[in-house]
Amino acid sequence: ITQSAVAWILGCVFVRFLEDNQLIDPPKLSGATRERLKLASDNHTLYFRQYPKHSDREYLESIFHEVEKLPGVSAIFDEKHNPLWTLGPSGDGATELLNFWQKINASSGDLIHDFTDSGWNTRFLGDLYQDLSEAAQKKYALKQTPLFVEEFILDRTLTPAIDEFGYKEVRLIDPTCGSGHFLLGAFERLFNLY
């Protein structure tokens, strides 16, 4: 149950990140600006005109299926592997989840949860994943390697390997078998050399 709940939250966070950084358009869950939030609300209304017997659970599932079609994203929302498809919230629970993403700060009028990031840094996803369930964190040793440790290890392993074998021949594995930040850090270094 916890794994499915975490998958629903992370799925929404991923969609929100794409929406707030305008990597998908139009927004469906929410939006970092009032205009984009209005677009998301309008899309919600249009969905229920087409499917009046559905609940917000089906609405969220339709968003996940839509995002799943994007290049490089299919594995994230794959029905075969993502636990969000095994168990989901009730229609009312999905409404609460949707309301959470659209919540406005009463004093500023701004969206409370804004994932806009010009650098598209997704490192926060690893932190979020490790912090959602204390039991899972303890059972599976879910602790994200701090950036300075990742860079320290890559400086002392990948950099010498590149110097010896060249960036086109070097191979590597994620030494922590974690969320992939070692691989992303290595990819960035290799890409810059390319």
C-alpha atoms as a PDB file:
ATOM      1  CA  ILE A   1       0.000   0.000   0.000  1.00  0.00           C
ATOM      2  CA  THR A   2       2.814   2.392   0.929  1.00  0.00           C
ATOM      3  CA  GLN A   3       4.656   1.660  -2.316  1.00  0.00           C
ATOM      4  CA  SER A   4       1.548   2.442  -4.378  1.00  0.00           C
ATOM      5  CA  ALA A   5       0.868   5.625  -2.402  1.00  0.00           C
ATOM      6  CA  VAL A   6       4.454   6.763  -2.912  1.00  0.00           C
ATOM      7  CA  ALA A   7       4.173   5.994  -6.637  1.00  0.00           C
ATOM      8  CA  TRP A   8       1.049   8.179  -6.915  1.00  0.00           C
ATOM      9  CA  ILE A   9       2.774  11.068  -5.157  1.00  0.00           C
ATOM     10  CA  LEU A  10       5.980  10.734  -7.166  1.00  0.00           C
ATOM     11  CA  GLY A  11       3.974  10.402 -10.394  1.00  0.00           C
ATOM     12  CA  CYS A  12       2.203  13.676  -9.633  1.00  0.00           C
ATOM     13  CA  VAL A  13       5.478  15.375  -8.649  1.00  0.00           C
ATOM     14  CA  PHE A  14       7.037  14.280 -11.924  1.00  0.00           C
ATOM     15  CA  VAL A  15       4.083  15.644 -13.924  1.00  0.00           C
ATOM     16  CA  ARG A  16       4.153  18.881 -11.911  1.00  0.00           C
ATOM     17  CA  PHE A  17       7.880  19.283 -12.627  1.00  0.00           C
ATOM     18  CA  LEU A  18       7.214  18.865 -16.361  1.00  0.00           C
ATOM     19  CA  GLU A  19       4.297  21.307 -16.221  1.00  0.00           C
ATOM     20  CA  ASP A  20       6.060  24.016 -14.228  1.00  0.00           C
ATOM     21  CA  ASN A  21       9.071  23.908 -16.530  1.00  0.00           C
ATOM     22  CA  GLN A  22       6.780  23.965 -19.571  1.00  0.00           C
ATOM     23  CA  LEU A  23       8.075  20.632 -20.829  1.00  0.00           C
ATOM     24  CA  ILE A  24       4.476  19.558 -21.406  1.00  0.00           C
ATOM     25  CA  ASP A  25       1.690  21.769 -22.598  1.00  0.00           C
ATOM     26  CA  PRO A  26      -1.041  22.358 -21.728  1.00  0.00           C
ATOM     27  CA  PRO A  27      -0.784  21.681 -17.991  1.00  0.00           C
ATOM     28  CA  LYS A  28      -3.237  19.157 -16.574  1.00  0.00           C
ATOM     29  CA  LEU A  29      -2.608  19.069 -12.804  1.00  0.00           C
ATOM     30  CA  SER A  30      -1.687  22.639 -12.044  1.00  0.00           C
ATOM     31  CA  GLY A  31       0.631  25.398 -13.166  1.00  0.00           C
ATOM     32  CA  ALA A  32       3.269  27.670 -11.691  1.00  0.00           C
ATOM     33  CA  THR A  33       1.489  30.787 -12.967  1.00  0.00           C
ATOM     34  CA  ARG A  34      -2.146  31.806 -12.606  1.00  0.00           C
ATOM     35  CA  GLU A  35      -2.574  31.460 -16.379  1.00  0.00           C
ATOM     36  CA  ARG A  36      -1.233  27.903 -16.388  1.00  0.00           C
ATOM     37  CA  LEU A  37      -3.296  26.994 -13.329  1.00  0.00           C
ATOM     38  CA  LYS A  38      -6.373  28.259 -15.213  1.00  0.00           C
ATOM     39  CA  LEU A  39      -5.385  26.119 -18.224  1.00  0.00           C
ATOM     40  CA  ALA A  40      -5.116  23.058 -15.965  1.00  0.00           C
ATOM     41  CA  SER A  41      -8.531  23.806 -14.490  1.00  0.00           C
ATOM     42  CA  ASP A  42     -10.011  24.228 -17.980  1.00  0.00           C
ATOM     43  CA  ASN A  43      -8.508  20.885 -19.069  1.00  0.00           C
ATOM     44  CA  HIS A  44     -10.054  19.242 -16.014  1.00  0.00           C
ATOM     45  CA  THR A  45     -13.465  20.652 -16.991  1.00  0.00           C
ATOM     46  CA  LEU A  46     -13.062  19.497 -20.605  1.00  0.00           C
ATOM     47  CA  TYR A  47     -12.132  15.992 -19.467  1.00  0.00           C
ATOM     48  CA  PHE A  48     -15.325  15.653 -17.431  1.00  0.00           C
ATOM     49  CA  ARG A  49     -17.448  16.944 -20.277  1.00  0.00           C
ATOM     50  CA  GLN A  50     -16.107  14.049 -22.309  1.00  0.00           C
ATOM     51  CA  TYR A  51     -16.199  11.498 -19.452  1.00  0.00           C
ATOM     52  CA  PRO A  52     -18.933  12.610 -17.018  1.00  0.00           C
ATOM     53  CA  LYS A  53     -19.027   9.269 -15.172  1.00  0.00           C
ATOM     54  CA  HIS A  54     -15.314   9.270 -14.336  1.00  0.00           C
ATOM     55  CA  SER A  55     -13.734  10.441 -11.097  1.00  0.00           C
ATOM     56  CA  ASP A  56     -10.522  12.347 -10.509  1.00  0.00           C
ATOM     57  CA  ARG A  57      -8.750   8.997 -10.214  1.00  0.00           C
ATOM     58  CA  GLU A  58      -9.445   8.287 -13.887  1.00  0.00           C
ATOM     59  CA  TYR A  59      -8.491  11.865 -14.682  1.00  0.00           C
ATOM     60  CA  LEU A  60      -5.082  11.449 -13.010  1.00  0.00           C
ATOM     61  CA  GLU A  61      -4.606   8.077 -14.689  1.00  0.00           C
ATOM     62  CA  SER A  62      -5.337   9.685 -18.072  1.00  0.00           C
ATOM     63  CA  ILE A  63      -2.638  12.281 -17.354  1.00  0.00           C
ATOM     64  CA  PHE A  64      -0.121   9.556 -16.477  1.00  0.00           C
ATOM     65  CA  HIS A  65      -0.976   7.681 -19.694  1.00  0.00           C
ATOM     66  CA  GLU A  66      -0.583  10.885 -21.697  1.00  0.00           C
ATOM     67  CA  VAL A  67       2.806  11.673 -20.154  1.00  0.00           C
ATOM     68  CA  GLU A  68       3.850   8.038 -20.632  1.00  0.00           C
ATOM     69  CA  LYS A  69       3.755   8.611 -24.409  1.00  0.00           C
ATOM     70  CA  LEU A  70       6.531  11.219 -24.262  1.00  0.00           C
ATOM     71  CA  PRO A  71       9.998  10.164 -25.458  1.00  0.00           C
ATOM     72  CA  GLY A  72      12.133   8.875 -22.608  1.00  0.00           C
ATOM     73  CA  VAL A  73       9.257   8.766 -20.097  1.00  0.00           C
ATOM     74  CA  SER A  74       7.444   5.545 -20.949  1.00  0.00           C
ATOM     75  CA  ALA A  75       9.338   3.459 -18.385  1.00  0.00           C
ATOM     76  CA  ILE A  76       8.421   5.843 -15.566  1.00  0.00           C
ATOM     77  CA  PHE A  77       4.673   5.309 -15.987  1.00  0.00           C
ATOM     78  CA  ASP A  78       4.790   1.790 -17.424  1.00  0.00           C
ATOM     79  CA  GLU A  79       1.799  -0.237 -16.168  1.00  0.00           C
ATOM     80  CA  LYS A  80       3.930  -3.358 -15.950  1.00  0.00           C
ATOM     81  CA  HIS A  81       6.469  -1.858 -13.522  1.00  0.00           C
ATOM     82  CA  ASN A  82       5.034   1.201 -11.777  1.00  0.00           C
ATOM     83  CA  PRO A  83       3.158   0.322  -8.562  1.00  0.00           C
ATOM     84  CA  LEU A  84       0.721   3.212  -9.023  1.00  0.00           C
ATOM     85  CA  TRP A  85      -1.240   0.934 -11.364  1.00  0.00           C
ATOM     86  CA  THR A  86      -1.643  -1.834  -8.767  1.00  0.00           C
ATOM     87  CA  LEU A  87      -3.557   0.211  -6.229  1.00  0.00           C
ATOM     88  CA  GLY A  88      -4.860   3.740  -6.321  1.00  0.00           C
ATOM     89  CA  PRO A  89      -6.800   6.242  -4.302  1.00  0.00           C
ATOM     90  CA  SER A  90     -10.575   6.462  -4.358  1.00  0.00           C
ATOM     91  CA  GLY A  91     -12.137   9.127  -6.560  1.00  0.00           C
ATOM     92  CA  ASP A  92     -12.424  11.382  -3.496  1.00  0.00           C
ATOM     93  CA  GLY A  93      -8.812  10.644  -2.548  1.00  0.00           C
ATOM     94  CA  ALA A  94      -7.691  11.599  -6.052  1.00  0.00           C
ATOM     95  CA  THR A  95      -9.671  14.851  -5.722  1.00  0.00           C
ATOM     96  CA  GLU A  96      -7.765  15.620  -2.518  1.00  0.00           C
ATOM     97  CA  LEU A  97      -4.498  14.890  -4.314  1.00  0.00           C
ATOM     98  CA  LEU A  98      -5.475  17.188  -7.167  1.00  0.00           C
ATOM     99  CA  ASN A  99      -6.504  19.929  -4.720  1.00  0.00           C
ATOM    100  CA  PHE A 100      -3.139  19.594  -2.991  1.00  0.00           C
ATOM    101  CA  TRP A 101      -1.297  20.455  -6.230  1.00  0.00           C
ATOM    102  CA  GLN A 102      -3.556  23.438  -6.882  1.00  0.00           C
ATOM    103  CA  LYS A 103      -3.380  24.940  -3.385  1.00  0.00           C
ATOM    104  CA  ILE A 104      -2.728  28.692  -3.319  1.00  0.00           C
ATOM    105  CA  ASN A 105      -0.871  30.615  -0.622  1.00  0.00           C
ATOM    106  CA  ALA A 106      -3.561  32.939   0.791  1.00  0.00           C
ATOM    107  CA  SER A 107      -1.132  35.747   1.618  1.00  0.00           C
ATOM    108  CA  SER A 108       0.791  35.852  -1.672  1.00  0.00           C
ATOM    109  CA  GLY A 109      -1.728  34.399  -4.129  1.00  0.00           C
ATOM    110  CA  ASP A 110       1.015  32.131  -5.506  1.00  0.00           C
ATOM    111  CA  LEU A 111       0.870  28.386  -5.944  1.00  0.00           C
ATOM    112  CA  ILE A 112       2.276  26.653  -2.843  1.00  0.00           C
ATOM    113  CA  HIS A 113       4.013  23.849  -4.755  1.00  0.00           C
ATOM    114  CA  ASP A 114       6.060  25.314  -7.605  1.00  0.00           C
ATOM    115  CA  PHE A 115       8.686  23.123  -9.269  1.00  0.00           C
ATOM    116  CA  THR A 116      10.020  25.706 -11.712  1.00  0.00           C
ATOM    117  CA  ASP A 117      13.774  25.200 -12.122  1.00  0.00           C
ATOM    118  CA  SER A 118      15.686  26.724 -15.026  1.00  0.00           C
ATOM    119  CA  GLY A 119      18.400  24.083 -14.589  1.00  0.00           C
ATOM    120  CA  TRP A 120      15.863  21.209 -14.633  1.00  0.00           C
ATOM    121  CA  ASN A 121      17.573  19.696 -11.597  1.00  0.00           C
ATOM    122  CA  THR A 122      15.649  16.626 -10.486  1.00  0.00           C
ATOM    123  CA  ARG A 123      17.916  15.705  -7.583  1.00  0.00           C
ATOM    124  CA  PHE A 124      15.099  16.634  -5.203  1.00  0.00           C
ATOM    125  CA  LEU A 125      13.194  13.547  -6.432  1.00  0.00           C
ATOM    126  CA  GLY A 126      15.733  11.276  -4.729  1.00  0.00           C
ATOM    127  CA  ASP A 127      15.347  13.224  -1.487  1.00  0.00           C
ATOM    128  CA  LEU A 128      11.573  13.054  -1.749  1.00  0.00           C
ATOM    129  CA  TYR A 129      11.614   9.328  -2.477  1.00  0.00           C
ATOM    130  CA  GLN A 130      13.827   8.562   0.518  1.00  0.00           C
ATOM    131  CA  ASP A 131      11.747  10.729   2.864  1.00  0.00           C
ATOM    132  CA  LEU A 132       8.232   9.544   1.943  1.00  0.00           C
ATOM    133  CA  SER A 133       8.394   6.333   3.946  1.00  0.00           C
ATOM    134  CA  GLU A 134      10.584   5.958   7.020  1.00  0.00           C
ATOM    135  CA  ALA A 135       9.902   2.206   7.091  1.00  0.00           C
ATOM    136  CA  ALA A 136      11.006   1.765   3.449  1.00  0.00           C
ATOM    137  CA  GLN A 137      13.998   4.008   4.077  1.00  0.00           C
ATOM    138  CA  LYS A 138      15.158   1.753   6.915  1.00  0.00           C
ATOM    139  CA  LYS A 139      14.279  -1.548   5.215  1.00  0.00           C
ATOM    140  CA  TYR A 140      15.971  -0.736   1.883  1.00  0.00           C
ATOM    141  CA  ALA A 141      18.639   1.702   3.145  1.00  0.00           C
ATOM    142  CA  LEU A 142      17.185   4.481   0.995  1.00  0.00           C
ATOM    143  CA  LYS A 143      19.630   7.302   1.435  1.00  0.00           C
ATOM    144  CA  GLN A 144      20.607   9.551  -1.418  1.00  0.00           C
ATOM    145  CA  THR A 145      24.335  10.084  -1.776  1.00  0.00           C
ATOM    146  CA  PRO A 146      25.110  13.772  -1.205  1.00  0.00           C
ATOM    147  CA  LEU A 147      26.310  15.634  -4.304  1.00  0.00           C
ATOM    148  CA  PHE A 148      29.751  16.397  -2.852  1.00  0.00           C
ATOM    149  CA  VAL A 149      30.307  12.666  -2.167  1.00  0.00           C
ATOM    150  CA  GLU A 150      29.140  11.736  -5.670  1.00  0.00           C
ATOM    151  CA  GLU A 151      31.511  14.293  -7.207  1.00  0.00           C
ATOM    152  CA  PHE A 152      34.372  13.158  -4.946  1.00  0.00           C
ATOM    153  CA  ILE A 153      33.941   9.529  -6.045  1.00  0.00           C
ATOM    154  CA  LEU A 154      33.590  10.436  -9.739  1.00  0.00           C
ATOM    155  CA  ASP A 155      36.696  12.645  -9.519  1.00  0.00           C
ATOM    156  CA  ARG A 156      38.698   9.700  -8.181  1.00  0.00           C
ATOM    157  CA  THR A 157      37.251   6.942 -10.375  1.00  0.00           C
ATOM    158  CA  LEU A 158      35.723   8.224 -13.601  1.00  0.00           C
ATOM    159  CA  THR A 159      38.217  11.006 -14.287  1.00  0.00           C
ATOM    160  CA  PRO A 160      41.274   8.695 -14.099  1.00  0.00           C
ATOM    161  CA  ALA A 161      39.447   6.070 -16.194  1.00  0.00           C
ATOM    162  CA  ILE A 162      38.717   8.700 -18.861  1.00  0.00           C
ATOM    163  CA  ASP A 163      42.356   9.796 -18.761  1.00  0.00           C
ATOM    164  CA  GLU A 164      43.511   6.200 -19.286  1.00  0.00           C
ATOM    165  CA  PHE A 165      40.900   4.821 -21.707  1.00  0.00           C
ATOM    166  CA  GLY A 166      39.329   7.920 -23.275  1.00  0.00           C
ATOM    167  CA  TYR A 167      35.741   9.054 -22.899  1.00  0.00           C
ATOM    168  CA  LYS A 168      34.563   6.910 -25.835  1.00  0.00           C
ATOM    169  CA  GLU A 169      35.798   3.656 -24.276  1.00  0.00           C
ATOM    170  CA  VAL A 170      35.144   4.124 -20.574  1.00  0.00           C
ATOM    171  CA  ARG A 171      32.379   2.011 -18.977  1.00  0.00           C
ATOM    172  CA  LEU A 172      30.797   2.341 -15.573  1.00  0.00           C
ATOM    173  CA  ILE A 173      28.149   1.115 -13.198  1.00  0.00           C
ATOM    174  CA  ASP A 174      26.277   2.897 -10.435  1.00  0.00           C
ATOM    175  CA  PRO A 175      28.250   1.846  -7.332  1.00  0.00           C
ATOM    176  CA  THR A 176      25.262   2.443  -5.055  1.00  0.00           C
ATOM    177  CA  CYS A 177      22.570   0.912  -7.301  1.00  0.00           C
ATOM    178  CA  GLY A 178      20.428   3.806  -6.175  1.00  0.00           C
ATOM    179  CA  SER A 179      18.347   6.419  -7.927  1.00  0.00           C
ATOM    180  CA  GLY A 180      20.895   6.931 -10.692  1.00  0.00           C
ATOM    181  CA  HIS A 181      22.602  10.155  -9.649  1.00  0.00           C
ATOM    182  CA  PHE A 182      26.071   8.661 -10.093  1.00  0.00           C
ATOM    183  CA  LEU A 183      25.096   7.732 -13.646  1.00  0.00           C
ATOM    184  CA  LEU A 184      23.608  11.171 -14.287  1.00  0.00           C
ATOM    185  CA  GLY A 185      26.722  12.860 -12.918  1.00  0.00           C
ATOM    186  CA  ALA A 186      28.906  10.614 -15.079  1.00  0.00           C
ATOM    187  CA  PHE A 187      26.705  11.256 -18.117  1.00  0.00           C
ATOM    188  CA  GLU A 188      27.055  15.009 -17.660  1.00  0.00           C
ATOM    189  CA  ARG A 189      30.838  14.728 -17.504  1.00  0.00           C
ATOM    190  CA  LEU A 190      30.979  12.443 -20.555  1.00  0.00           C
ATOM    191  CA  PHE A 191      28.566  14.646 -22.488  1.00  0.00           C
ATOM    192  CA  ASN A 192      30.676  17.733 -21.791  1.00  0.00           C
ATOM    193  CA  LEU A 193      33.783  15.893 -23.053  1.00  0.00           C
ATOM    194  CA  TYR A 194      31.887  14.759 -26.149  1.00  0.00           C
END
